[in-house]
Amino acid sequence: MKKRKMVVSLGHEALGYTTTEQWDAVKKTAKALADLAQADYQLTITHSNGPQVSMIHKAMTELRRVNPDYTPVPMCVCSAMSQGYVGYDIQNSLRSEFLSRGISTPVSTILTQVTVDPYDEAFYEPNKIIGRYMSKEEADAEIRKGNYVTEASEKGYRRIVAAPKPLSIVELDTIRTLADAGQVVIACGGGGIPVIEQQHILKGASAVIEKDAIAGRLASDLKADLLMILTSVEQVYLDFEKETQRPISAMTAAEAKDYIAQEQFGRGSMLPKIEAAVAYLENVPSGRVLITSIAHALSALKGRTGTAISA
């Protein structure tokens, strides 16, 4: 009998914010993921990469500044680097955890490209801040290249990139083949490497993709039975951080849309997760979404906590 399919989206809490934090964090994350696998699910894992890709971008920009002979590294390459190094840590930790439990399931990372629309409005109104602080001269140089930067602050300027919506996952067939074979797949890390399709050529885009949006797309494309979004809170709340704050244990996609219209969810935090849940359920009405923290993943799967969303 085939296992049920689960797409797991890992947030920053599952990875930490520095290289050393990540080493420690993924060990705990691996235990939670192994618990889910032992609950008879085939796992396909995607993850955030905000701190990681920003760190890589800073390092490569500084290398270029100190050594002008080096070619500047585009954002799409930084995304690819982050996918490789985060995936490496997750797959090694999860493999080790599996073997300690007598599980021989293979774990692999797929460098994943995701197509975006070159005319997506996000390219005209970029809002994702990345990289190190720059001087005015450096910021002016970025502007001359057609890039966007923040307004001046005490520390200087920072680069801003677009966050377009994902259109399609280029390596989907590979991911599906491995998932159908019962293997654990780590894919679409950091939202995927954004690319623009020009006839038969894929050209890297200077952008990042919202990791929750790609999690919903991946779960839809794989026809997953469950999308689990692991974040920093145990449950979704209404009136978050207000005196009237209250948790939601369950809601329908229609109720979620109503809450979105009421602006109940933070634009840079919970809103993308709820939107991803709704998009997935519209494509897979028989599916289910769970939103919780990594420490409560197994409890949420058993119905004891978390927020469940259904069609």
C-alpha atoms as a PDB file:
ATOM      1  CA  MET A   1       0.000   0.000   0.000  1.00  0.00           C
ATOM      2  CA  LYS A   2       1.359   3.416  -1.010  1.00  0.00           C
ATOM      3  CA  LYS A   3       2.074   5.953   1.686  1.00  0.00           C
ATOM      4  CA  ARG A   4       0.102   9.175   1.818  1.00  0.00           C
ATOM      5  CA  LYS A   5       1.948  12.177   0.383  1.00  0.00           C
ATOM      6  CA  MET A   6       2.876  15.163   2.511  1.00  0.00           C
ATOM      7  CA  VAL A   7       4.598  18.361   1.453  1.00  0.00           C
ATOM      8  CA  VAL A   8       6.375  19.981   4.402  1.00  0.00           C
ATOM      9  CA  SER A   9       7.338  23.657   4.284  1.00  0.00           C
ATOM     10  CA  LEU A  10      10.113  24.572   6.731  1.00  0.00           C
ATOM     11  CA  GLY A  11      10.428  28.144   8.005  1.00  0.00           C
ATOM     12  CA  HIS A  12      13.397  29.998   9.492  1.00  0.00           C
ATOM     13  CA  GLU A  13      12.890  28.370  12.910  1.00  0.00           C
ATOM     14  CA  ALA A  14      13.745  24.978  11.392  1.00  0.00           C
ATOM     15  CA  LEU A  15      17.080  26.204  10.000  1.00  0.00           C
ATOM     16  CA  GLY A  16      18.426  29.002  12.179  1.00  0.00           C
ATOM     17  CA  TYR A  17      20.009  32.177  10.873  1.00  0.00           C
ATOM     18  CA  THR A  18      23.738  31.377  10.714  1.00  0.00           C
ATOM     19  CA  THR A  19      25.832  28.416   9.569  1.00  0.00           C
ATOM     20  CA  THR A  20      26.440  27.172  13.114  1.00  0.00           C
ATOM     21  CA  GLU A  21      22.808  27.732  14.132  1.00  0.00           C
ATOM     22  CA  GLN A  22      21.764  25.716  11.094  1.00  0.00           C
ATOM     23  CA  TRP A  23      23.924  22.740  12.077  1.00  0.00           C
ATOM     24  CA  ASP A  24      22.146  22.563  15.439  1.00  0.00           C
ATOM     25  CA  ALA A  25      18.687  23.407  14.136  1.00  0.00           C
ATOM     26  CA  VAL A  26      18.574  20.765  11.401  1.00  0.00           C
ATOM     27  CA  LYS A  27      19.287  18.012  13.939  1.00  0.00           C
ATOM     28  CA  LYS A  28      16.069  18.934  15.776  1.00  0.00           C
ATOM     29  CA  THR A  29      14.252  19.407  12.481  1.00  0.00           C
ATOM     30  CA  ALA A  30      15.336  15.942  11.335  1.00  0.00           C
ATOM     31  CA  LYS A  31      13.751  14.373  14.410  1.00  0.00           C
ATOM     32  CA  ALA A  32      10.418  16.095  13.684  1.00  0.00           C
ATOM     33  CA  LEU A  33      10.562  15.082  10.015  1.00  0.00           C
ATOM     34  CA  ALA A  34      11.386  11.481  10.924  1.00  0.00           C
ATOM     35  CA  ASP A  35       8.341  11.441  13.234  1.00  0.00           C
ATOM     36  CA  LEU A  36       6.168  12.490  10.291  1.00  0.00           C
ATOM     37  CA  ALA A  37       7.707   9.860   8.039  1.00  0.00           C
ATOM     38  CA  GLN A  38       7.061   7.184  10.668  1.00  0.00           C
ATOM     39  CA  ALA A  39       3.412   8.275  10.704  1.00  0.00           C
ATOM     40  CA  ASP A  40       3.292   6.604   7.265  1.00  0.00           C
ATOM     41  CA  TYR A  41       3.799   9.627   5.035  1.00  0.00           C
ATOM     42  CA  GLN A  42       6.066  10.094   2.035  1.00  0.00           C
ATOM     43  CA  LEU A  43       7.700  13.482   2.552  1.00  0.00           C
ATOM     44  CA  THR A  44       8.578  16.136   0.010  1.00  0.00           C
ATOM     45  CA  ILE A  45      10.294  18.999   1.805  1.00  0.00           C
ATOM     46  CA  THR A  46      10.721  22.623   0.867  1.00  0.00           C
ATOM     47  CA  HIS A  47      12.344  25.300   2.983  1.00  0.00           C
ATOM     48  CA  SER A  48      13.000  28.990   3.473  1.00  0.00           C
ATOM     49  CA  ASN A  49      16.382  30.528   2.650  1.00  0.00           C
ATOM     50  CA  GLY A  50      16.067  34.228   3.547  1.00  0.00           C
ATOM     51  CA  PRO A  51      19.042  34.492   5.940  1.00  0.00           C
ATOM     52  CA  GLN A  52      21.087  32.003   3.901  1.00  0.00           C
ATOM     53  CA  VAL A  53      20.690  33.617   0.484  1.00  0.00           C
ATOM     54  CA  SER A  54      21.257  37.044   2.025  1.00  0.00           C
ATOM     55  CA  MET A  55      24.488  35.803   3.620  1.00  0.00           C
ATOM     56  CA  ILE A  56      25.686  34.345   0.309  1.00  0.00           C
ATOM     57  CA  HIS A  57      24.790  37.533  -1.566  1.00  0.00           C
ATOM     58  CA  LYS A  58      26.709  39.613   0.988  1.00  0.00           C
ATOM     59  CA  ALA A  59      29.747  37.349   0.738  1.00  0.00           C
ATOM     60  CA  MET A  60      29.817  37.344  -3.055  1.00  0.00           C
ATOM     61  CA  THR A  61      29.290  41.111  -3.230  1.00  0.00           C
ATOM     62  CA  GLU A  62      32.126  41.672  -0.763  1.00  0.00           C
ATOM     63  CA  LEU A  63      34.377  39.333  -2.769  1.00  0.00           C
ATOM     64  CA  ARG A  64      33.676  41.404  -5.877  1.00  0.00           C
ATOM     65  CA  ARG A  65      34.400  44.626  -3.972  1.00  0.00           C
ATOM     66  CA  VAL A  66      37.750  43.373  -2.635  1.00  0.00           C
ATOM     67  CA  ASN A  67      38.693  41.581  -5.874  1.00  0.00           C
ATOM     68  CA  PRO A  68      37.360  43.576  -8.859  1.00  0.00           C
ATOM     69  CA  ASP A  69      38.521  40.853 -11.258  1.00  0.00           C
ATOM     70  CA  TYR A  70      35.763  38.550  -9.990  1.00  0.00           C
ATOM     71  CA  THR A  71      32.509  38.588 -11.934  1.00  0.00           C
ATOM     72  CA  PRO A  72      29.455  39.767  -9.917  1.00  0.00           C
ATOM     73  CA  VAL A  73      27.239  36.843  -8.900  1.00  0.00           C
ATOM     74  CA  PRO A  74      23.538  37.222  -9.864  1.00  0.00           C
ATOM     75  CA  MET A  75      20.715  36.519  -7.449  1.00  0.00           C
ATOM     76  CA  CYS A  76      19.663  33.331  -9.267  1.00  0.00           C
ATOM     77  CA  VAL A  77      23.118  31.842  -8.640  1.00  0.00           C
ATOM     78  CA  CYS A  78      22.959  32.865  -4.960  1.00  0.00           C
ATOM     79  CA  SER A  79      19.595  31.063  -4.758  1.00  0.00           C
ATOM     80  CA  ALA A  80      21.130  27.947  -6.285  1.00  0.00           C
ATOM     81  CA  MET A  81      23.990  28.066  -3.786  1.00  0.00           C
ATOM     82  CA  SER A  82      21.579  28.345  -0.875  1.00  0.00           C
ATOM     83  CA  GLN A  83      19.502  25.412  -2.136  1.00  0.00           C
ATOM     84  CA  GLY A  84      22.604  23.252  -2.296  1.00  0.00           C
ATOM     85  CA  TYR A  85      23.996  24.075   1.101  1.00  0.00           C
ATOM     86  CA  VAL A  86      20.714  24.042   3.030  1.00  0.00           C
ATOM     87  CA  GLY A  87      19.622  20.850   1.273  1.00  0.00           C
ATOM     88  CA  TYR A  88      22.981  19.261   2.093  1.00  0.00           C
ATOM     89  CA  ASP A  89      22.501  19.902   5.824  1.00  0.00           C
ATOM     90  CA  ILE A  90      18.880  18.717   5.864  1.00  0.00           C
ATOM     91  CA  GLN A  91      19.460  15.550   3.863  1.00  0.00           C
ATOM     92  CA  ASN A  92      22.500  14.507   5.894  1.00  0.00           C
ATOM     93  CA  SER A  93      20.792  15.131   9.228  1.00  0.00           C
ATOM     94  CA  LEU A  94      17.606  13.386   8.119  1.00  0.00           C
ATOM     95  CA  ARG A  95      19.517  10.414   6.693  1.00  0.00           C
ATOM     96  CA  SER A  96      21.377  10.073   9.997  1.00  0.00           C
ATOM     97  CA  GLU A  97      18.132  10.280  11.978  1.00  0.00           C
ATOM     98  CA  PHE A  98      16.480   7.710   9.698  1.00  0.00           C
ATOM     99  CA  LEU A  99      19.364   5.250  10.080  1.00  0.00           C
ATOM    100  CA  SER A 100      19.319   5.642  13.872  1.00  0.00           C
ATOM    101  CA  ARG A 101      15.660   4.520  13.731  1.00  0.00           C
ATOM    102  CA  GLY A 102      16.311   1.657  11.332  1.00  0.00           C
ATOM    103  CA  ILE A 103      14.792   3.482   8.343  1.00  0.00           C
ATOM    104  CA  SER A 104      16.589   3.033   5.015  1.00  0.00           C
ATOM    105  CA  THR A 105      14.564   5.518   2.929  1.00  0.00           C
ATOM    106  CA  PRO A 106      16.845   7.547   0.607  1.00  0.00           C
ATOM    107  CA  VAL A 107      16.917  11.336   0.976  1.00  0.00           C
ATOM    108  CA  SER A 108      17.985  13.616  -1.877  1.00  0.00           C
ATOM    109  CA  THR A 109      18.072  17.299  -2.771  1.00  0.00           C
ATOM    110  CA  ILE A 110      16.947  18.510  -6.201  1.00  0.00           C
ATOM    111  CA  LEU A 111      18.216  21.884  -7.393  1.00  0.00           C
ATOM    112  CA  THR A 112      14.921  23.287  -8.569  1.00  0.00           C
ATOM    113  CA  GLN A 113      14.162  26.032 -11.070  1.00  0.00           C
ATOM    114  CA  VAL A 114      10.790  27.797 -11.060  1.00  0.00           C
ATOM    115  CA  THR A 115       9.532  29.846 -13.984  1.00  0.00           C
ATOM    116  CA  VAL A 116       8.177  33.344 -13.427  1.00  0.00           C
ATOM    117  CA  ASP A 117       6.429  35.856 -15.659  1.00  0.00           C
ATOM    118  CA  PRO A 118       8.820  38.606 -16.819  1.00  0.00           C
ATOM    119  CA  TYR A 119       5.839  40.966 -16.800  1.00  0.00           C
ATOM    120  CA  ASP A 120       4.815  40.112 -13.230  1.00  0.00           C
ATOM    121  CA  GLU A 121       3.918  43.334 -11.416  1.00  0.00           C
ATOM    122  CA  ALA A 122       6.408  42.415  -8.685  1.00  0.00           C
ATOM    123  CA  PHE A 123       9.269  43.364 -11.013  1.00  0.00           C
ATOM    124  CA  TYR A 124       7.944  46.929 -11.085  1.00  0.00           C
ATOM    125  CA  GLU A 125       7.417  47.115  -7.315  1.00  0.00           C
ATOM    126  CA  PRO A 126      10.164  44.983  -5.697  1.00  0.00           C
ATOM    127  CA  ASN A 127       9.870  44.586  -1.911  1.00  0.00           C
ATOM    128  CA  LYS A 128      12.359  41.934  -0.744  1.00  0.00           C
ATOM    129  CA  ILE A 129      15.388  43.506   0.968  1.00  0.00           C
ATOM    130  CA  ILE A 130      18.621  41.501   0.693  1.00  0.00           C
ATOM    131  CA  GLY A 131      22.367  41.767   1.065  1.00  0.00           C
ATOM    132  CA  ARG A 132      24.747  44.006   2.969  1.00  0.00           C
ATOM    133  CA  TYR A 133      24.511  47.734   3.607  1.00  0.00           C
ATOM    134  CA  MET A 134      26.025  49.854   0.837  1.00  0.00           C
ATOM    135  CA  SER A 135      27.483  53.341   0.593  1.00  0.00           C
ATOM    136  CA  LYS A 136      25.767  55.982  -1.523  1.00  0.00           C
ATOM    137  CA  GLU A 137      28.305  55.453  -4.289  1.00  0.00           C
ATOM    138  CA  GLU A 138      27.603  51.717  -4.352  1.00  0.00           C
ATOM    139  CA  ALA A 139      23.844  52.308  -4.256  1.00  0.00           C
ATOM    140  CA  ASP A 140      24.097  54.751  -7.159  1.00  0.00           C
ATOM    141  CA  ALA A 141      26.012  52.120  -9.119  1.00  0.00           C
ATOM    142  CA  GLU A 142      23.209  49.598  -8.498  1.00  0.00           C
ATOM    143  CA  ILE A 143      20.608  52.123  -9.654  1.00  0.00           C
ATOM    144  CA  ARG A 144      22.575  52.760 -12.854  1.00  0.00           C
ATOM    145  CA  LYS A 145      22.438  49.002 -13.525  1.00  0.00           C
ATOM    146  CA  GLY A 146      18.634  49.157 -13.263  1.00  0.00           C
ATOM    147  CA  ASN A 147      18.417  47.676  -9.754  1.00  0.00           C
ATOM    148  CA  TYR A 148      16.418  48.984  -6.805  1.00  0.00           C
ATOM    149  CA  VAL A 149      17.752  50.039  -3.412  1.00  0.00           C
ATOM    150  CA  THR A 150      16.183  51.138  -0.129  1.00  0.00           C
ATOM    151  CA  GLU A 151      15.948  54.689   1.102  1.00  0.00           C
ATOM    152  CA  ALA A 152      19.005  55.859   3.030  1.00  0.00           C
ATOM    153  CA  SER A 153      19.290  54.816   6.693  1.00  0.00           C
ATOM    154  CA  GLU A 154      21.963  55.328   9.356  1.00  0.00           C
ATOM    155  CA  LYS A 155      23.701  52.178   8.091  1.00  0.00           C
ATOM    156  CA  GLY A 156      23.373  52.978   4.408  1.00  0.00           C
ATOM    157  CA  TYR A 157      21.424  51.405   1.546  1.00  0.00           C
ATOM    158  CA  ARG A 158      20.386  47.838   0.745  1.00  0.00           C
ATOM    159  CA  ARG A 159      19.353  46.081  -2.435  1.00  0.00           C
ATOM    160  CA  ILE A 160      15.658  45.338  -3.110  1.00  0.00           C
ATOM    161  CA  VAL A 161      14.551  42.523  -5.418  1.00  0.00           C
ATOM    162  CA  ALA A 162      11.196  41.386  -6.757  1.00  0.00           C
ATOM    163  CA  ALA A 163       9.137  38.460  -5.444  1.00  0.00           C
ATOM    164  CA  PRO A 164       7.118  37.306  -8.479  1.00  0.00           C
ATOM    165  CA  LYS A 165       4.527  34.535  -8.359  1.00  0.00           C
ATOM    166  CA  PRO A 166       5.691  31.055  -9.398  1.00  0.00           C
ATOM    167  CA  LEU A 167       4.332  29.714 -12.682  1.00  0.00           C
ATOM    168  CA  SER A 168       5.735  26.203 -13.027  1.00  0.00           C
ATOM    169  CA  ILE A 169       8.326  23.922 -11.417  1.00  0.00           C
ATOM    170  CA  VAL A 170      10.848  22.941 -14.091  1.00  0.00           C
ATOM    171  CA  GLU A 171      12.102  19.757 -12.372  1.00  0.00           C
ATOM    172  CA  LEU A 172       8.605  18.596 -11.365  1.00  0.00           C
ATOM    173  CA  ASP A 173       8.834  15.291 -13.247  1.00  0.00           C
ATOM    174  CA  THR A 174      12.050  14.398 -11.423  1.00  0.00           C
ATOM    175  CA  ILE A 175      10.547  15.316  -8.045  1.00  0.00           C
ATOM    176  CA  ARG A 176       7.383  13.330  -8.786  1.00  0.00           C
ATOM    177  CA  THR A 177       9.338  10.262  -9.916  1.00  0.00           C
ATOM    178  CA  LEU A 178      11.342  10.162  -6.685  1.00  0.00           C
ATOM    179  CA  ALA A 179       8.269  10.863  -4.546  1.00  0.00           C
ATOM    180  CA  ASP A 180       6.291   8.117  -6.300  1.00  0.00           C
ATOM    181  CA  ALA A 181       9.182   5.768  -5.552  1.00  0.00           C
ATOM    182  CA  GLY A 182       8.703   6.500  -1.847  1.00  0.00           C
ATOM    183  CA  GLN A 183      11.862   8.539  -1.412  1.00  0.00           C
ATOM    184  CA  VAL A 184      12.194  11.738   0.607  1.00  0.00           C
ATOM    185  CA  VAL A 185      12.804  14.712  -1.685  1.00  0.00           C
ATOM    186  CA  ILE A 186      14.059  18.173  -0.736  1.00  0.00           C
ATOM    187  CA  ALA A 187      13.039  20.546  -3.519  1.00  0.00           C
ATOM    188  CA  CYS A 188      12.119  24.139  -4.379  1.00  0.00           C
ATOM    189  CA  GLY A 189      14.339  25.415  -1.572  1.00  0.00           C
ATOM    190  CA  GLY A 190      13.929  29.106  -0.880  1.00  0.00           C
ATOM    191  CA  GLY A 191      11.023  29.223  -3.327  1.00  0.00           C
ATOM    192  CA  GLY A 192      13.114  27.777  -6.147  1.00  0.00           C
ATOM    193  CA  ILE A 193      15.624  29.390  -8.489  1.00  0.00           C
ATOM    194  CA  PRO A 194      13.562  31.974 -10.413  1.00  0.00           C
ATOM    195  CA  VAL A 195      13.961  31.678 -14.174  1.00  0.00           C
ATOM    196  CA  ILE A 196      12.326  33.256 -17.202  1.00  0.00           C
ATOM    197  CA  GLU A 197      11.577  30.952 -20.120  1.00  0.00           C
ATOM    198  CA  GLN A 198      12.675  32.322 -23.499  1.00  0.00           C
ATOM    199  CA  GLN A 199      11.831  29.713 -26.144  1.00  0.00           C
ATOM    200  CA  HIS A 200      13.924  26.700 -25.048  1.00  0.00           C
ATOM    201  CA  ILE A 201      16.309  28.736 -22.865  1.00  0.00           C
ATOM    202  CA  LEU A 202      15.864  29.343 -19.124  1.00  0.00           C
ATOM    203  CA  LYS A 203      17.349  32.649 -18.020  1.00  0.00           C
ATOM    204  CA  GLY A 204      17.911  33.406 -14.322  1.00  0.00           C
ATOM    205  CA  ALA A 205      15.841  36.259 -12.926  1.00  0.00           C
ATOM    206  CA  SER A 206      17.010  38.833 -10.398  1.00  0.00           C
ATOM    207  CA  ALA A 207      14.311  37.926  -7.923  1.00  0.00           C
ATOM    208  CA  VAL A 208      13.257  35.622  -5.113  1.00  0.00           C
ATOM    209  CA  ILE A 209      10.096  33.526  -4.859  1.00  0.00           C
ATOM    210  CA  GLU A 210       7.937  33.381  -1.732  1.00  0.00           C
ATOM    211  CA  LYS A 211       8.604  29.946  -0.227  1.00  0.00           C
ATOM    212  CA  ASP A 212       5.013  29.528   0.983  1.00  0.00           C
ATOM    213  CA  ALA A 213       3.698  30.186  -2.521  1.00  0.00           C
ATOM    214  CA  ILE A 214       5.928  27.473  -3.968  1.00  0.00           C
ATOM    215  CA  ALA A 215       4.938  25.075  -1.182  1.00  0.00           C
ATOM    216  CA  GLY A 216       1.294  25.449  -2.213  1.00  0.00           C
ATOM    217  CA  ARG A 217       2.222  24.982  -5.881  1.00  0.00           C
ATOM    218  CA  LEU A 218       4.349  21.914  -5.134  1.00  0.00           C
ATOM    219  CA  ALA A 219       1.604  20.308  -3.018  1.00  0.00           C
ATOM    220  CA  SER A 220      -0.911  21.011  -5.799  1.00  0.00           C
ATOM    221  CA  ASP A 221       1.285  19.595  -8.553  1.00  0.00           C
ATOM    222  CA  LEU A 222       2.060  16.437  -6.578  1.00  0.00           C
ATOM    223  CA  LYS A 223      -1.603  16.053  -5.564  1.00  0.00           C
ATOM    224  CA  ALA A 224      -0.383  15.736  -1.978  1.00  0.00           C
ATOM    225  CA  ASP A 225      -2.773  14.517   0.689  1.00  0.00           C
ATOM    226  CA  LEU A 226      -1.430  17.035   3.190  1.00  0.00           C
ATOM    227  CA  LEU A 227       0.430  20.335   3.145  1.00  0.00           C
ATOM    228  CA  MET A 228       2.129  21.030   6.475  1.00  0.00           C
ATOM    229  CA  ILE A 229       3.502  24.542   6.975  1.00  0.00           C
ATOM    230  CA  LEU A 230       5.900  24.742   9.928  1.00  0.00           C
ATOM    231  CA  THR A 231       6.419  28.229  11.287  1.00  0.00           C
ATOM    232  CA  SER A 232       7.211  30.033  14.558  1.00  0.00           C
ATOM    233  CA  VAL A 233       3.752  29.766  16.173  1.00  0.00           C
ATOM    234  CA  GLU A 234       1.808  26.746  17.384  1.00  0.00           C
ATOM    235  CA  GLN A 235      -1.464  27.912  15.810  1.00  0.00           C
ATOM    236  CA  VAL A 236      -2.876  30.612  13.555  1.00  0.00           C
ATOM    237  CA  TYR A 237      -4.404  33.481  15.526  1.00  0.00           C
ATOM    238  CA  LEU A 238      -7.062  36.084  14.918  1.00  0.00           C
ATOM    239  CA  ASP A 239      -6.216  39.561  16.212  1.00  0.00           C
ATOM    240  CA  PHE A 240      -2.606  38.433  16.540  1.00  0.00           C
ATOM    241  CA  GLU A 241      -0.658  40.200  19.316  1.00  0.00           C
ATOM    242  CA  LYS A 242      -3.736  42.140  20.416  1.00  0.00           C
ATOM    243  CA  GLU A 243      -5.643  41.836  23.704  1.00  0.00           C
ATOM    244  CA  THR A 244      -8.360  40.003  21.784  1.00  0.00           C
ATOM    245  CA  GLN A 245      -5.925  37.453  20.282  1.00  0.00           C
ATOM    246  CA  ARG A 246      -7.438  33.984  19.944  1.00  0.00           C
ATOM    247  CA  PRO A 247      -6.246  30.787  18.252  1.00  0.00           C
ATOM    248  CA  ILE A 248      -8.019  29.065  15.384  1.00  0.00           C
ATOM    249  CA  SER A 249      -7.984  25.291  15.580  1.00  0.00           C
ATOM    250  CA  ALA A 250      -9.800  24.764  12.259  1.00  0.00           C
ATOM    251  CA  MET A 251     -11.220  26.742   9.354  1.00  0.00           C
ATOM    252  CA  THR A 252     -12.396  26.216   5.812  1.00  0.00           C
ATOM    253  CA  ALA A 253     -10.822  27.765   2.732  1.00  0.00           C
ATOM    254  CA  ALA A 254     -13.883  30.041   2.444  1.00  0.00           C
ATOM    255  CA  GLU A 255     -13.423  31.219   6.032  1.00  0.00           C
ATOM    256  CA  ALA A 256      -9.733  31.780   5.335  1.00  0.00           C
ATOM    257  CA  LYS A 257     -10.654  34.045   2.405  1.00  0.00           C
ATOM    258  CA  ASP A 258     -12.967  36.033   4.682  1.00  0.00           C
ATOM    259  CA  TYR A 259     -10.174  36.477   7.231  1.00  0.00           C
ATOM    260  CA  ILE A 260      -7.843  37.614   4.441  1.00  0.00           C
ATOM    261  CA  ALA A 261     -10.427  40.215   3.393  1.00  0.00           C
ATOM    262  CA  GLN A 262     -10.533  41.373   7.028  1.00  0.00           C
ATOM    263  CA  GLU A 263      -6.733  41.778   6.935  1.00  0.00           C
ATOM    264  CA  GLN A 264      -6.336  39.389   9.849  1.00  0.00           C
ATOM    265  CA  PHE A 265      -2.968  38.076   8.745  1.00  0.00           C
ATOM    266  CA  GLY A 266       0.397  39.821   8.594  1.00  0.00           C
ATOM    267  CA  ARG A 267       1.506  40.572   5.038  1.00  0.00           C
ATOM    268  CA  GLY A 268       5.056  39.382   5.560  1.00  0.00           C
ATOM    269  CA  SER A 269       4.304  36.549   7.959  1.00  0.00           C
ATOM    270  CA  MET A 270       1.036  34.576   8.108  1.00  0.00           C
ATOM    271  CA  LEU A 271      -0.717  35.934   4.999  1.00  0.00           C
ATOM    272  CA  PRO A 272       1.466  34.087   2.442  1.00  0.00           C
ATOM    273  CA  LYS A 273       0.869  30.825   4.335  1.00  0.00           C
ATOM    274  CA  ILE A 274      -2.908  31.228   4.317  1.00  0.00           C
ATOM    275  CA  GLU A 275      -2.872  32.210   0.637  1.00  0.00           C
ATOM    276  CA  ALA A 276      -0.777  29.131  -0.170  1.00  0.00           C
ATOM    277  CA  ALA A 277      -3.225  26.947   1.772  1.00  0.00           C
ATOM    278  CA  VAL A 278      -6.217  28.342  -0.126  1.00  0.00           C
ATOM    279  CA  ALA A 279      -4.492  27.946  -3.519  1.00  0.00           C
ATOM    280  CA  TYR A 280      -3.602  24.325  -2.760  1.00  0.00           C
ATOM    281  CA  LEU A 281      -7.110  23.432  -1.552  1.00  0.00           C
ATOM    282  CA  GLU A 282      -8.657  24.999  -4.661  1.00  0.00           C
ATOM    283  CA  ASN A 283      -6.560  22.592  -6.756  1.00  0.00           C
ATOM    284  CA  VAL A 284      -6.795  19.590  -4.407  1.00  0.00           C
ATOM    285  CA  PRO A 285     -10.183  19.845  -2.610  1.00  0.00           C
ATOM    286  CA  SER A 286      -9.647  16.474  -0.931  1.00  0.00           C
ATOM    287  CA  GLY A 287      -6.420  17.712   0.658  1.00  0.00           C
ATOM    288  CA  ARG A 288      -5.755  19.185   4.064  1.00  0.00           C
ATOM    289  CA  VAL A 289      -3.444  21.881   5.431  1.00  0.00           C
ATOM    290  CA  LEU A 290      -1.842  22.018   8.870  1.00  0.00           C
ATOM    291  CA  ILE A 291      -0.065  25.114  10.173  1.00  0.00           C
ATOM    292  CA  THR A 292       1.938  24.798  13.381  1.00  0.00           C
ATOM    293  CA  SER A 293       5.453  25.021  14.830  1.00  0.00           C
ATOM    294  CA  ILE A 294       8.087  22.374  14.269  1.00  0.00           C
ATOM    295  CA  ALA A 295       7.992  21.429  17.957  1.00  0.00           C
ATOM    296  CA  HIS A 296       4.278  20.581  17.621  1.00  0.00           C
ATOM    297  CA  ALA A 297       4.340  18.942  14.178  1.00  0.00           C
ATOM    298  CA  LEU A 298       3.493  15.419  15.336  1.00  0.00           C
ATOM    299  CA  SER A 299       0.869  16.652  17.826  1.00  0.00           C
ATOM    300  CA  ALA A 300      -0.776  18.680  15.063  1.00  0.00           C
ATOM    301  CA  LEU A 301      -0.771  15.640  12.790  1.00  0.00           C
ATOM    302  CA  LYS A 302      -2.619  13.764  15.540  1.00  0.00           C
ATOM    303  CA  GLY A 303      -5.192  16.577  15.811  1.00  0.00           C
ATOM    304  CA  ARG A 304      -4.095  17.804  19.223  1.00  0.00           C
ATOM    305  CA  THR A 305      -2.949  21.297  18.238  1.00  0.00           C
ATOM    306  CA  GLY A 306      -2.125  23.467  15.235  1.00  0.00           C
ATOM    307  CA  THR A 307      -4.553  24.974  12.748  1.00  0.00           C
ATOM    308  CA  ALA A 308      -6.245  22.666  10.232  1.00  0.00           C
ATOM    309  CA  ILE A 309      -7.617  24.084   6.976  1.00  0.00           C
ATOM    310  CA  SER A 310      -9.847  22.133   4.622  1.00  0.00           C
ATOM    311  CA  ALA A 311     -11.896  22.851   1.543  1.00  0.00           C
END
